[in-house]
Amino acid sequence: MKLIALNLPRDIGEQDLEELFKIHGNVTACNLVLDDKTGASKGFGFIEMELEQEAMAAIEKLHGTKVNKNKIRVKPAE
């Protein structure tokens, strides 16, 4: 199941993002969206998890939590 994480801190890396979700299940892919010109994070990324129930658990546990000083949003990607 593919998820989107929004309002991520600009200094978070893909590995940090993957670690955040790995606690809740098997992460099969993790892509942080970067600005083409600067290479800096745009503040959101996509995470793919193997099992839907693990993805739903990640949404339940992570949505609305703070990462650094940012309150992140996590939901299914459309």
Protein backbone atom coordinates (compact mmCIF):
# COMPACT_ATOMS: atom_id res chain seq x y z
CA MET A 1 0.00 0.00 0.00
CA LYS A 2 1.34 3.42 -0.95
CA LEU A 3 1.24 6.23 1.62
CA ILE A 4 2.04 9.92 1.46
CA ALA A 5 3.65 11.77 4.35
CA LEU A 6 3.10 15.55 4.33
CA ASN A 7 4.57 18.49 6.25
CA LEU A 8 7.88 16.71 6.81
CA PRO A 9 10.81 18.71 8.17
CA ARG A 10 12.95 19.99 5.29
CA ASP A 11 16.08 18.45 6.82
CA ILE A 12 14.76 14.87 6.98
CA GLY A 13 16.41 12.35 4.66
CA GLU A 14 14.98 9.29 2.91
CA GLN A 15 16.69 6.97 5.37
CA ASP A 16 15.17 8.87 8.32
CA LEU A 17 11.75 8.68 6.69
CA GLU A 18 12.10 4.94 6.10
CA GLU A 19 13.18 4.38 9.72
CA LEU A 20 10.09 6.25 10.92
CA PHE A 21 7.80 3.84 9.04
CA LYS A 22 9.84 0.64 9.50
CA ILE A 23 8.75 0.49 13.12
CA HIS A 24 5.23 -0.33 11.88
CA GLY A 25 6.04 -2.88 9.17
CA ASN A 26 8.01 -3.81 6.08
CA VAL A 27 8.81 -0.77 3.91
CA THR A 28 9.28 -1.79 0.27
CA ALA A 29 10.04 1.71 -1.10
CA CYS A 30 10.59 5.21 0.23
CA ASN A 31 10.90 8.33 -1.95
CA LEU A 32 11.38 11.82 -0.59
CA VAL A 33 10.30 14.45 -3.12
CA LEU A 34 13.14 16.87 -3.88
CA ASP A 35 13.27 20.25 -5.61
CA ASP A 36 14.81 19.83 -9.08
CA LYS A 37 16.88 22.99 -8.86
CA THR A 38 18.12 22.96 -5.26
CA GLY A 39 17.96 19.26 -4.38
CA ALA A 40 16.28 20.22 -1.09
CA SER A 41 13.28 18.36 0.30
CA LYS A 42 9.87 19.72 -0.67
CA GLY A 43 8.48 18.51 2.67
CA PHE A 44 6.66 15.39 1.53
CA GLY A 45 7.38 11.84 0.45
CA PHE A 46 5.89 8.52 -0.55
CA ILE A 47 6.24 5.28 1.37
CA GLU A 48 5.22 1.85 0.15
CA MET A 49 4.48 -0.83 2.69
CA GLU A 50 4.06 -4.51 1.91
CA LEU A 51 0.91 -5.20 3.93
CA GLU A 52 -2.19 -3.02 4.06
CA GLN A 53 -2.73 -3.65 7.78
CA GLU A 54 0.82 -2.46 8.52
CA ALA A 55 0.25 0.66 6.41
CA MET A 56 -3.00 1.37 8.23
CA ALA A 57 -1.21 0.95 11.58
CA ALA A 58 1.47 3.40 10.42
CA ILE A 59 -1.23 5.94 9.49
CA GLU A 60 -2.93 5.51 12.86
CA LYS A 61 0.32 5.86 14.84
CA LEU A 62 2.09 8.56 12.82
CA HIS A 63 -0.65 10.90 11.55
CA GLY A 64 -0.62 14.04 13.69
CA THR A 65 2.64 13.24 15.47
CA LYS A 66 5.56 15.64 15.62
CA VAL A 67 8.79 15.00 13.75
CA ASN A 68 11.27 17.60 14.93
CA LYS A 69 8.88 20.57 15.23
CA ASN A 70 6.55 19.65 12.36
CA LYS A 71 3.18 17.98 12.91
CA ILE A 72 3.11 15.47 10.05
CA ARG A 73 0.15 14.14 8.12
CA VAL A 74 0.07 10.56 6.83
CA LYS A 75 -2.61 9.16 4.54
CA PRO A 76 -3.05 6.72 1.66
CA ALA A 77 -1.61 8.03 -1.60
CA GLU A 78 -4.14 8.36 -4.40
